[in-house]
PDB file of all heavy atoms in Angstrom:
ATOM      1  N   TRP A   1     129.776 116.834   6.378  1.00  0.00           N
ATOM      2  CA  TRP A   1     129.422 115.907   7.449  1.00  0.00           C
ATOM      3  C   TRP A   1     130.247 114.629   7.374  1.00  0.00           C
ATOM      4  O   TRP A   1     130.615 114.056   8.395  1.00  0.00           O
ATOM      5  CB  TRP A   1     127.930 115.574   7.395  1.00  0.00           C
ATOM      6  CG  TRP A   1     127.511 114.597   8.457  1.00  0.00           C
ATOM      7  CD1 TRP A   1     127.305 113.253   8.329  1.00  0.00           C
ATOM      8  CD2 TRP A   1     127.280 114.893   9.841  1.00  0.00           C
ATOM      9  NE1 TRP A   1     126.948 112.690   9.527  1.00  0.00           N
ATOM     10  CE2 TRP A   1     126.924 113.681  10.483  1.00  0.00           C
ATOM     11  CE3 TRP A   1     127.330 116.068  10.601  1.00  0.00           C
ATOM     12  CZ2 TRP A   1     126.625 113.615  11.844  1.00  0.00           C
ATOM     13  CZ3 TRP A   1     127.020 115.994  11.955  1.00  0.00           C
ATOM     14  CH2 TRP A   1     126.679 114.788  12.557  1.00  0.00           C
ATOM     15  N   ASP A   2     130.549 114.190   6.182  1.00  0.00           N
ATOM     16  CA  ASP A   2     131.262 112.931   5.978  1.00  0.00           C
ATOM     17  C   ASP A   2     132.655 112.992   6.610  1.00  0.00           C
ATOM     18  O   ASP A   2     133.407 113.946   6.405  1.00  0.00           O
ATOM     19  CB  ASP A   2     131.389 112.659   4.475  1.00  0.00           C
ATOM     20  CG  ASP A   2     131.827 111.228   4.172  1.00  0.00           C
ATOM     21  OD1 ASP A   2     132.632 110.677   4.947  1.00  0.00           O
ATOM     22  OD2 ASP A   2     131.369 110.684   3.158  1.00  0.00           O
ATOM     23  N   ASP A   3     133.015 111.971   7.381  1.00  0.00           N
ATOM     24  CA  ASP A   3     134.329 111.925   8.026  1.00  0.00           C
ATOM     25  C   ASP A   3     135.471 111.930   7.020  1.00  0.00           C
ATOM     26  O   ASP A   3     136.602 112.290   7.361  1.00  0.00           O
ATOM     27  CB  ASP A   3     134.446 110.678   8.909  1.00  0.00           C
ATOM     28  CG  ASP A   3     133.601 110.807  10.173  1.00  0.00           C
ATOM     29  OD1 ASP A   3     133.140 111.918  10.468  1.00  0.00           O
ATOM     30  OD2 ASP A   3     133.400 109.782  10.859  1.00  0.00           O
ATOM     31  N   LYS A   4     135.198 111.540   5.792  1.00  0.00           N
ATOM     32  CA  LYS A   4     136.231 111.563   4.763  1.00  0.00           C
ATOM     33  C   LYS A   4     136.559 112.993   4.344  1.00  0.00           C
ATOM     34  O   LYS A   4     137.613 113.252   3.770  1.00  0.00           O
ATOM     35  CB  LYS A   4     135.787 110.750   3.547  1.00  0.00           C
ATOM     36  CG  LYS A   4     135.634 109.253   3.830  1.00  0.00           C
ATOM     37  CD  LYS A   4     135.139 108.522   2.609  1.00  0.00           C
ATOM     38  CE  LYS A   4     134.936 107.038   2.896  1.00  0.00           C
ATOM     39  NZ  LYS A   4     134.390 106.317   1.714  1.00  0.00           N
ATOM     40  N   VAL A   5     135.638 113.913   4.605  1.00  0.00           N
ATOM     41  CA  VAL A   5     135.838 115.323   4.263  1.00  0.00           C
ATOM     42  C   VAL A   5     136.363 116.103   5.478  1.00  0.00           C
ATOM     43  O   VAL A   5     137.327 116.847   5.390  1.00  0.00           O
ATOM     44  CB  VAL A   5     134.530 115.952   3.747  1.00  0.00           C
ATOM     45  CG1 VAL A   5     134.738 117.434   3.405  1.00  0.00           C
ATOM     46  CG2 VAL A   5     134.020 115.187   2.529  1.00  0.00           C
ATOM     47  N   VAL A   6     135.698 115.940   6.622  1.00  0.00           N
ATOM     48  CA  VAL A   6     136.120 116.545   7.888  1.00  0.00           C
ATOM     49  C   VAL A   6     136.324 115.407   8.873  1.00  0.00           C
ATOM     50  O   VAL A   6     135.369 114.762   9.287  1.00  0.00           O
ATOM     51  CB  VAL A   6     135.076 117.551   8.422  1.00  0.00           C
ATOM     52  CG1 VAL A   6     135.551 118.143   9.751  1.00  0.00           C
ATOM     53  CG2 VAL A   6     134.818 118.657   7.414  1.00  0.00           C
ATOM     54  N   ASP A   7     137.580 115.155   9.223  1.00  0.00           N
ATOM     55  CA  ASP A   7     137.892 113.915   9.948  1.00  0.00           C
ATOM     56  C   ASP A   7     138.048 114.091  11.450  1.00  0.00           C
ATOM     57  O   ASP A   7     138.456 113.156  12.144  1.00  0.00           O
ATOM     58  CB  ASP A   7     139.171 113.277   9.381  1.00  0.00           C
ATOM     59  CG  ASP A   7     140.394 114.173   9.554  1.00  0.00           C
ATOM     60  OD1 ASP A   7     140.245 115.290  10.098  1.00  0.00           O
ATOM     61  OD2 ASP A   7     141.487 113.744   9.154  1.00  0.00           O
ATOM     62  N   ASN A   8     137.739 115.287  11.998  1.00  0.00           N
ATOM     63  CA  ASN A   8     137.933 115.456  13.439  1.00  0.00           C
ATOM     64  C   ASN A   8     136.642 115.834  14.176  1.00  0.00           C
ATOM     65  O   ASN A   8     136.624 116.603  15.125  1.00  0.00           O
ATOM     66  CB  ASN A   8     139.019 116.503  13.720  1.00  0.00           C
ATOM     67  CG  ASN A   8     138.733 117.852  13.091  1.00  0.00           C
ATOM     68  OD1 ASN A   8     137.805 118.000  12.306  1.00  0.00           O
ATOM     69  ND2 ASN A   8     139.542 118.836  13.425  1.00  0.00           N
ATOM     70  N   TRP A   9     135.543 115.267  13.712  1.00  0.00           N
ATOM     71  CA  TRP A   9     134.247 115.438  14.368  1.00  0.00           C
ATOM     72  C   TRP A   9     134.185 114.665  15.677  1.00  0.00           C
ATOM     73  O   TRP A   9     134.718 113.565  15.806  1.00  0.00           O
ATOM     74  CB  TRP A   9     133.132 114.899  13.481  1.00  0.00           C
ATOM     75  CG  TRP A   9     132.509 115.856  12.522  1.00  0.00           C
ATOM     76  CD1 TRP A   9     132.714 115.910  11.169  1.00  0.00           C
ATOM     77  CD2 TRP A   9     131.540 116.858  12.807  1.00  0.00           C
ATOM     78  NE1 TRP A   9     131.946 116.890  10.612  1.00  0.00           N
ATOM     79  CE2 TRP A   9     131.205 117.488  11.599  1.00  0.00           C
ATOM     80  CE3 TRP A   9     130.919 117.284  13.979  1.00  0.00           C
ATOM     81  CZ2 TRP A   9     130.281 118.519  11.520  1.00  0.00           C
ATOM     82  CZ3 TRP A   9     129.997 118.319  13.912  1.00  0.00           C
ATOM     83  CH2 TRP A   9     129.694 118.920  12.691  1.00  0.00           C
ATOM     84  N   PHE A  10     133.467 115.229  16.654  1.00  0.00           N
ATOM     85  CA  PHE A  10     132.875 114.445  17.731  1.00  0.00           C
ATOM     86  C   PHE A  10     131.386 114.363  17.410  1.00  0.00           C
ATOM     87  O   PHE A  10     130.714 115.397  17.335  1.00  0.00           O
ATOM     88  CB  PHE A  10     133.056 115.129  19.096  1.00  0.00           C
ATOM     89  CG  PHE A  10     134.390 114.907  19.722  1.00  0.00           C
ATOM     90  CD1 PHE A  10     135.297 115.950  19.859  1.00  0.00           C
ATOM     91  CD2 PHE A  10     134.744 113.650  20.205  1.00  0.00           C
ATOM     92  CE1 PHE A  10     136.533 115.758  20.452  1.00  0.00           C
ATOM     93  CE2 PHE A  10     135.983 113.443  20.807  1.00  0.00           C
ATOM     94  CZ  PHE A  10     136.875 114.496  20.925  1.00  0.00           C
ATOM     95  N   LYS A  11     130.873 113.169  17.187  1.00  0.00           N
ATOM     96  CA  LYS A  11     129.471 112.992  16.834  1.00  0.00           C
ATOM     97  C   LYS A  11     128.758 112.171  17.897  1.00  0.00           C
ATOM     98  O   LYS A  11     129.362 111.353  18.589  1.00  0.00           O
ATOM     99  CB  LYS A  11     129.349 112.309  15.462  1.00  0.00           C
ATOM    100  CG  LYS A  11     129.907 113.155  14.327  1.00  0.00           C
ATOM    101  CD  LYS A  11     129.856 112.437  12.986  1.00  0.00           C
ATOM    102  CE  LYS A  11     130.433 113.321  11.883  1.00  0.00           C
ATOM    103  NZ  LYS A  11     130.479 112.630  10.579  1.00  0.00           N
ATOM    104  N   THR A  12     127.473 112.410  18.024  1.00  0.00           N
ATOM    105  CA  THR A  12     126.676 111.685  18.992  1.00  0.00           C
ATOM    106  C   THR A  12     125.320 111.353  18.381  1.00  0.00           C
ATOM    107  O   THR A  12     125.041 111.723  17.233  1.00  0.00           O
ATOM    108  CB  THR A  12     126.504 112.515  20.285  1.00  0.00           C
ATOM    109  OG1 THR A  12     125.868 111.712  21.281  1.00  0.00           O
ATOM    110  CG2 THR A  12     125.669 113.772  20.045  1.00  0.00           C
ATOM    111  N   GLU A  13     124.493 110.651  19.127  1.00  0.00           N
ATOM    112  CA  GLU A  13     123.221 110.172  18.596  1.00  0.00           C
ATOM    113  C   GLU A  13     122.122 110.398  19.622  1.00  0.00           C
ATOM    114  O   GLU A  13     122.296 110.149  20.815  1.00  0.00           O
ATOM    115  CB  GLU A  13     123.326 108.678  18.269  1.00  0.00           C
ATOM    116  CG  GLU A  13     122.186 108.140  17.434  1.00  0.00           C
ATOM    117  CD  GLU A  13     122.411 106.697  16.998  1.00  0.00           C
ATOM    118  OE1 GLU A  13     123.112 106.497  15.992  1.00  0.00           O
ATOM    119  OE2 GLU A  13     121.906 105.794  17.683  1.00  0.00           O
ATOM    120  N   LEU A  14     120.982 110.912  19.147  1.00  0.00           N
ATOM    121  CA  LEU A  14     119.824 111.094  20.008  1.00  0.00           C
ATOM    122  C   LEU A  14     119.154 109.751  20.288  1.00  0.00           C
ATOM    123  O   LEU A  14     119.412 108.748  19.614  1.00  0.00           O
ATOM    124  CB  LEU A  14     118.829 112.050  19.356  1.00  0.00           C
ATOM    125  CG  LEU A  14     119.309 113.496  19.118  1.00  0.00           C
ATOM    126  CD1 LEU A  14     118.245 114.273  18.352  1.00  0.00           C
ATOM    127  CD2 LEU A  14     119.631 114.189  20.430  1.00  0.00           C
ATOM    128  N   LYS A  15     118.269 109.754  21.265  1.00  0.00           N
ATOM    129  CA  LYS A  15     117.541 108.524  21.601  1.00  0.00           C
ATOM    130  C   LYS A  15     116.737 107.991  20.416  1.00  0.00           C
ATOM    131  O   LYS A  15     116.510 106.785  20.283  1.00  0.00           O
ATOM    132  CB  LYS A  15     116.588 108.786  22.767  1.00  0.00           C
ATOM    133  CG  LYS A  15     117.273 109.133  24.081  1.00  0.00           C
ATOM    134  CD  LYS A  15     118.020 107.943  24.647  1.00  0.00           C
ATOM    135  CE  LYS A  15     118.569 108.258  26.031  1.00  0.00           C
ATOM    136  NZ  LYS A  15     119.336 107.140  26.613  1.00  0.00           N
ATOM    137  N   ASN A  16     116.298 108.915  19.525  1.00  0.00           N
ATOM    138  CA  ASN A  16     115.517 108.490  18.360  1.00  0.00           C
ATOM    139  C   ASN A  16     116.385 108.046  17.192  1.00  0.00           C
ATOM    140  O   ASN A  16     115.879 107.733  16.111  1.00  0.00           O
ATOM    141  CB  ASN A  16     114.570 109.596  17.913  1.00  0.00           C
ATOM    142  CG  ASN A  16     115.304 110.866  17.460  1.00  0.00           C
ATOM    143  OD1 ASN A  16     116.517 110.853  17.286  1.00  0.00           O
ATOM    144  ND2 ASN A  16     114.550 111.949  17.278  1.00  0.00           N
ATOM    145  N   GLY A  17     117.711 108.046  17.396  1.00  0.00           N
ATOM    146  CA  GLY A  17     118.614 107.578  16.352  1.00  0.00           C
ATOM    147  C   GLY A  17     119.190 108.655  15.467  1.00  0.00           C
ATOM    148  O   GLY A  17     120.099 108.378  14.671  1.00  0.00           O
ATOM    149  N   ASN A  18     118.689 109.896  15.567  1.00  0.00           N
ATOM    150  CA  ASN A  18     119.220 110.983  14.741  1.00  0.00           C
ATOM    151  C   ASN A  18     120.629 111.370  15.195  1.00  0.00           C
ATOM    152  O   ASN A  18     120.905 111.453  16.396  1.00  0.00           O
ATOM    153  CB  ASN A  18     118.314 112.213  14.810  1.00  0.00           C
ATOM    154  CG  ASN A  18     116.991 111.984  14.117  1.00  0.00           C
ATOM    155  OD1 ASN A  18     116.863 111.079  13.286  1.00  0.00           O
ATOM    156  ND2 ASN A  18     115.984 112.780  14.463  1.00  0.00           N
ATOM    157  N   GLU A  19     121.512 111.637  14.228  1.00  0.00           N
ATOM    158  CA  GLU A  19     122.880 112.012  14.548  1.00  0.00           C
ATOM    159  C   GLU A  19     123.016 113.514  14.737  1.00  0.00           C
ATOM    160  O   GLU A  19     122.351 114.311  14.072  1.00  0.00           O
ATOM    161  CB  GLU A  19     123.826 111.571  13.424  1.00  0.00           C
ATOM    162  CG  GLU A  19     124.095 110.088  13.367  1.00  0.00           C
ATOM    163  CD  GLU A  19     125.163 109.768  12.332  1.00  0.00           C
ATOM    164  OE1 GLU A  19     124.831 109.774  11.139  1.00  0.00           O
ATOM    165  OE2 GLU A  19     126.321 109.533  12.732  1.00  0.00           O
ATOM    166  N   LEU A  20     123.901 113.891  15.658  1.00  0.00           N
ATOM    167  CA  LEU A  20     124.252 115.284  15.891  1.00  0.00           C
ATOM    168  C   LEU A  20     125.772 115.396  15.980  1.00  0.00           C
ATOM    169  O   LEU A  20     126.461 114.411  16.237  1.00  0.00           O
ATOM    170  CB  LEU A  20     123.642 115.800  17.203  1.00  0.00           C
ATOM    171  CG  LEU A  20     122.129 115.884  17.313  1.00  0.00           C
ATOM    172  CD1 LEU A  20     121.731 116.282  18.728  1.00  0.00           C
ATOM    173  CD2 LEU A  20     121.564 116.878  16.313  1.00  0.00           C
ATOM    174  N   GLY A  21     126.260 116.604  15.755  1.00  0.00           N
ATOM    175  CA  GLY A  21     127.690 116.858  15.918  1.00  0.00           C
ATOM    176  C   GLY A  21     127.927 117.881  17.011  1.00  0.00           C
ATOM    177  O   GLY A  21     127.100 118.779  17.223  1.00  0.00           O
ATOM    178  N   LEU A  22     129.028 117.741  17.743  1.00  0.00           N
ATOM    179  CA  LEU A  22     129.456 118.761  18.696  1.00  0.00           C
ATOM    180  C   LEU A  22     130.269 119.803  17.935  1.00  0.00           C
ATOM    181  O   LEU A  22     131.227 119.454  17.242  1.00  0.00           O
ATOM    182  CB  LEU A  22     130.300 118.146  19.809  1.00  0.00           C
ATOM    183  CG  LEU A  22     129.580 117.283  20.837  1.00  0.00           C
ATOM    184  CD1 LEU A  22     130.576 116.706  21.836  1.00  0.00           C
ATOM    185  CD2 LEU A  22     128.532 118.099  21.580  1.00  0.00           C
ATOM    186  N   GLY A  23     129.891 121.061  18.084  1.00  0.00           N
ATOM    187  CA  GLY A  23     130.411 122.120  17.233  1.00  0.00           C
ATOM    188  C   GLY A  23     131.925 122.190  17.149  1.00  0.00           C
ATOM    189  O   GLY A  23     132.603 122.370  18.154  1.00  0.00           O
ATOM    190  N   LEU A  24     132.442 122.039  15.943  1.00  0.00           N
ATOM    191  CA  LEU A  24     133.862 122.285  15.699  1.00  0.00           C
ATOM    192  C   LEU A  24     134.062 123.574  14.929  1.00  0.00           C
ATOM    193  O   LEU A  24     135.155 124.108  14.850  1.00  0.00           O
ATOM    194  CB  LEU A  24     134.521 121.109  14.980  1.00  0.00           C
ATOM    195  CG  LEU A  24     133.954 120.592  13.661  1.00  0.00           C
ATOM    196  CD1 LEU A  24     134.362 121.445  12.489  1.00  0.00           C
ATOM    197  CD2 LEU A  24     134.419 119.162  13.434  1.00  0.00           C
ATOM    198  N   SER A  25     132.990 124.101  14.363  1.00  0.00           N
ATOM    199  CA  SER A  25     132.974 125.380  13.669  1.00  0.00           C
ATOM    200  C   SER A  25     131.511 125.751  13.481  1.00  0.00           C
ATOM    201  O   SER A  25     130.628 124.910  13.671  1.00  0.00           O
ATOM    202  CB  SER A  25     133.707 125.276  12.323  1.00  0.00           C
ATOM    203  OG  SER A  25     133.899 126.546  11.765  1.00  0.00           O
ATOM    204  N   HIS A  26     131.232 127.008  13.122  1.00  0.00           N
ATOM    205  CA  HIS A  26     129.825 127.428  13.099  1.00  0.00           C
ATOM    206  C   HIS A  26     129.391 128.110  11.801  1.00  0.00           C
ATOM    207  O   HIS A  26     128.415 128.857  11.789  1.00  0.00           O
ATOM    208  CB  HIS A  26     129.537 128.346  14.294  1.00  0.00           C
ATOM    209  CG  HIS A  26     129.223 127.590  15.547  1.00  0.00           C
ATOM    210  ND1 HIS A  26     130.202 127.010  16.321  1.00  0.00           N
ATOM    211  CD2 HIS A  26     128.049 127.284  16.147  1.00  0.00           C
ATOM    212  CE1 HIS A  26     129.645 126.399  17.358  1.00  0.00           C
ATOM    213  NE2 HIS A  26     128.344 126.542  17.271  1.00  0.00           N
ATOM    214  N   GLU A  27     130.100 127.854  10.706  1.00  0.00           N
ATOM    215  CA  GLU A  27     129.676 128.449   9.439  1.00  0.00           C
ATOM    216  C   GLU A  27     128.248 128.033   9.071  1.00  0.00           C
ATOM    217  O   GLU A  27     127.417 128.869   8.695  1.00  0.00           O
ATOM    218  CB  GLU A  27     130.631 128.045   8.313  1.00  0.00           C
ATOM    219  CG  GLU A  27     131.966 128.766   8.324  1.00  0.00           C
ATOM    220  CD  GLU A  27     132.988 128.045   9.183  1.00  0.00           C
ATOM    221  OE1 GLU A  27     132.608 127.088   9.890  1.00  0.00           O
ATOM    222  OE2 GLU A  27     134.161 128.440   9.143  1.00  0.00           O
TER     223      GLU A  27
END
């Protein structure tokens, strides 16, 4: 999850503040 490990995430945030990622892979 850390951008230092995978640096090409598109991430977003729910109204309640929880973070989500837009799928870049599905393992």
